[in-house]
């Protein structure tokens, strides 16, 4: 309808100006009307506010003759920080482009988790959080989950050598007619350790200026007209450094034997009870990658590598214009659970800090080859097939030092929740696959039932007589301690079967089925994309309710199938550490049941449950058996973590060797 411009250079700082702007159109010379504005030029960031306050505190600057000098100085400072105005001068645009093209020195990765016990006056609701670092900003989504609004959201901000390291955080709330900043704080990033994920917990109480607890580097609050109280939780990591002063560079890494001995001594068995939560240390050396796919028009990529261990997230610097990057970086992770999985992902950095997926590999800590340089083939996003490129792979060296007793105790406690996880959407092929997984478990139970039917029907009289004698003797002499012994026999049966390789065939068959389902799912996705262009929006709205219900059914079936597969995989020694742990527990239960009457055990269990809230009020209610099963991978997770064979011959294809192997398996099956 029309447009106009405001020349900010003509405005005085902190003074309200009444403006009348005539609306114009470059393609239409007609009168389009006028718009009336009240405009006030105000410093926005904390650094700018402090600078202006220092000027205004000087008495000789209070006169009108110096007000324009203050305004011009503040504008130069905003230009230095890359803040654009509405007046698009040639010099300003050139400076903005220069700032945008600078190579960042570090990446600040923030995971906004929640605000606990959030309360606010004046009827405001739907809080959101705004972040500002230098010239970069981020605004979270609004959350209506009161009184504990949760997100979680992950995003990156970038540190430059010549900018402030103050991270400004503003908690905002809104209603139908207005929105306000209800709490603010500042975190000095220069006080936080690099290459480590920090858990920040900041408490704000009424905006009275009282500092909040939490991570180091938290600043005090800034009073606001409308105040709120609560505790802000977030994860903050400063990573991606490329300067040679950082200890994460291979050239500066201290290889002294004394340091390694100190780590081994810290996690030795005799120091088990010093810190039960600290299970161990994982050192990851990221050397290089080969055969990556090209993501840019020039046939090259700008790859960087991200390492994630549950909620800890570190990354390398970016190597520009290459398909064979060399990073030579070392990272250290504190291990809280030996059953965790290290996820290594390679991304391509695009303009405006966007990323494009290049490849990924998932490495369970229990499968780490200690101190061995190893090529890991990169997989696609679903971790099912090889990633695009010329046999893409990454060279890693992992060194793991851990305390087995602490790991044993930690395994029987609740599993750490991962805040950032991908929501499973409804897909027809996924639903069918989950139904088939559940069907396999039902057939497994039916096979066991057929054994009993075989004995009861006297199809083999000798077997039936032996089973009958065993049943009578068990009824006569059974004691509670014999129950875990029976389960130990099941473990023994699967251990023998796995030792002789009888279970490997079923795993390969399941992997082949996953492959075929994945290819069908890709075809379905392409068909759905074509159909979605032709569908009307109203039809999608009508189907959304049905899709939500179907998605719930799909995911519920998947969870039931996953639970049954976890039990089966625990029995068949898919993860030897967990199976041996279960065997050890069964032996312990057998001994306890043999010497202690079961009535006393039930009494002790009841007393423990009733007194837990009094004796240990901060403990989380849990079931040790379910905690153990939560660490066992199901059949799909076994496929995710399975390493692909490295194809050293560069055939120019993207996993051509895998396709030929799949065809051979299909022919053999036929």
Foldseek 3Di string as FASTA:
>chain_A
DFDFFDDLLPDFAQDWDWDKTFGDDPVDPDGPDIDIDTDHHYDDDPVLVVVLVVQCVDVVCVDPVNRSVSSVVSVVVLLVLLADDRPDDPVSVVSNVVVQPDAFQKKKKKWFFKWAQKDWDPPWAQKWKKKDFRRDIDTAGTARPPPIGTGTDMDIDTHHPPGAQKMKMFIKTHDDPDIDGAKIKIFRCVPDDAQWKFKFKWWDDFQPQDGGDGDPRIGTMHRDPIHMTTITIMIIHIAQGDDPVDCFAQVNPDPDVVVVVVQQVCFDQVNCPVDLQQFWKKKKWFFKKAFWFADDPVRFFFKKKWKDWQAIIHIHHTDPGHRIDTGRTMHMDGDRAQLIKIKMFMWTADRPRDIHGTFIAIARNLPADAQDWDKFFTPDPLLQHGGFGQRMITIMHMHIHGHLVSNLVSLLAADDHRRDDDDDFDDPLLLVVLVVLLVVLVVVVVVVVVVVVCLVVPVPVVVVVVVVVVVVVCVVDPFVLCVLVVLVVLLVVLQVCVVVPVCVVVLVVVSLVVVVSVVVRVVVVVVVVVVVVVDDPVVCVVCVVVRVVVRVVSVVSNVVSFLSQLVVCLSNPVPVSLVVSSNVVSVVSSVCRVPPPVVVVVVVVVVCVVCCCPPPVPGDDDGSVVSSSVSGGGSSVVSSNDTDDRDPDRPGGRPPVVVVVSVVVVVVVD
